[in-house]
Amino acid sequence: MFDRALAPGGCLLLTDPCRPQGLEFAARLENSGWQVGLDMFSVALEAGPGGRGVAGTQGAPVTVALLTARRD
């Protein structure tokens, strides 16, 4: 799917809340010939539209992975 969706030289950007499946997915991309980068960020959760959010999580720090991948 990514090969068809990206222009030649395009870059895939995905985020994940550091689940084990995210790392497995990154490894699969690498094994398929993609060059993969992985950066980790700590972000504070904020209420969504209309003030809705997960109860008790307002301002709580969450670690998020930013996965970048491109193919030559």
Protein backbone atom coordinates (compact mmCIF):
# COMPACT_ATOMS: atom_id res chain seq x y z
CA MET A 1 0.00 0.00 0.00
CA PHE A 2 2.77 2.47 0.90
CA ASP A 3 4.59 1.94 -2.40
CA ARG A 4 1.42 2.91 -4.29
CA ALA A 5 0.52 5.85 -2.00
CA LEU A 6 3.92 7.59 -1.88
CA ALA A 7 5.47 9.56 -4.69
CA PRO A 8 9.01 8.51 -5.67
CA GLY A 9 11.32 9.70 -2.89
CA GLY A 10 8.35 10.28 -0.57
CA CYS A 11 8.54 9.79 3.18
CA LEU A 12 6.13 7.81 5.33
CA LEU A 13 5.32 9.35 8.75
CA LEU A 14 3.57 7.27 11.42
CA THR A 15 3.08 7.77 15.15
CA ASP A 16 2.54 5.11 17.77
CA PRO A 17 2.23 5.15 21.59
CA CYS A 18 5.26 2.81 21.83
CA ARG A 19 3.37 -0.46 21.54
CA PRO A 20 5.43 -3.60 20.81
CA GLN A 21 3.52 -3.98 17.54
CA GLY A 22 4.92 -0.64 16.38
CA LEU A 23 8.49 -1.89 16.74
CA GLU A 24 7.59 -5.11 14.96
CA PHE A 25 6.08 -3.08 12.12
CA ALA A 26 9.26 -0.97 11.86
CA ALA A 27 11.34 -4.16 11.65
CA ARG A 28 9.08 -5.51 8.88
CA LEU A 29 9.53 -2.29 6.90
CA GLU A 30 13.32 -2.54 7.24
CA ASN A 31 13.24 -6.18 6.13
CA SER A 32 11.26 -5.07 3.07
CA GLY A 33 13.92 -2.58 1.99
CA TRP A 34 12.71 0.61 3.69
CA GLN A 35 15.11 2.94 5.51
CA VAL A 36 13.49 3.49 8.91
CA GLY A 37 14.06 6.15 11.57
CA LEU A 38 12.51 6.10 15.02
CA ASP A 39 12.34 9.10 17.37
CA MET A 40 10.73 9.12 20.81
CA PHE A 41 8.88 12.10 22.28
CA SER A 42 7.17 12.73 25.59
CA VAL A 43 3.96 14.72 25.13
CA ALA A 44 1.23 15.89 27.50
CA LEU A 45 -2.31 14.79 26.72
CA GLU A 46 -4.90 17.50 26.20
CA ALA A 47 -8.67 17.40 26.00
CA GLY A 48 -10.06 16.71 22.54
CA PRO A 49 -12.73 18.70 20.70
CA GLY A 50 -15.54 19.79 22.99
CA GLY A 51 -13.35 19.26 26.06
CA ARG A 52 -13.67 15.50 25.86
CA GLY A 53 -10.73 13.33 26.79
CA VAL A 54 -9.85 10.27 28.78
CA ALA A 55 -10.79 10.86 32.42
CA GLY A 56 -7.78 11.60 34.63
CA THR A 57 -5.30 11.99 31.78
CA GLN A 58 -5.36 15.77 31.26
CA GLY A 59 -1.73 16.89 31.13
CA ALA A 60 -0.37 13.38 31.77
CA PRO A 61 2.89 12.69 29.90
CA VAL A 62 2.78 9.98 27.25
CA THR A 63 5.72 8.64 25.25
CA VAL A 64 5.06 8.61 21.52
CA ALA A 65 7.22 7.13 18.75
CA LEU A 66 7.55 8.91 15.41
CA LEU A 67 8.45 6.45 12.68
CA THR A 68 9.83 7.77 9.39
CA ALA A 69 10.44 5.46 6.45
CA ARG A 70 11.50 5.95 2.86
CA ARG A 71 12.57 3.80 -0.01
CA ASP A 72 15.39 4.59 -2.44
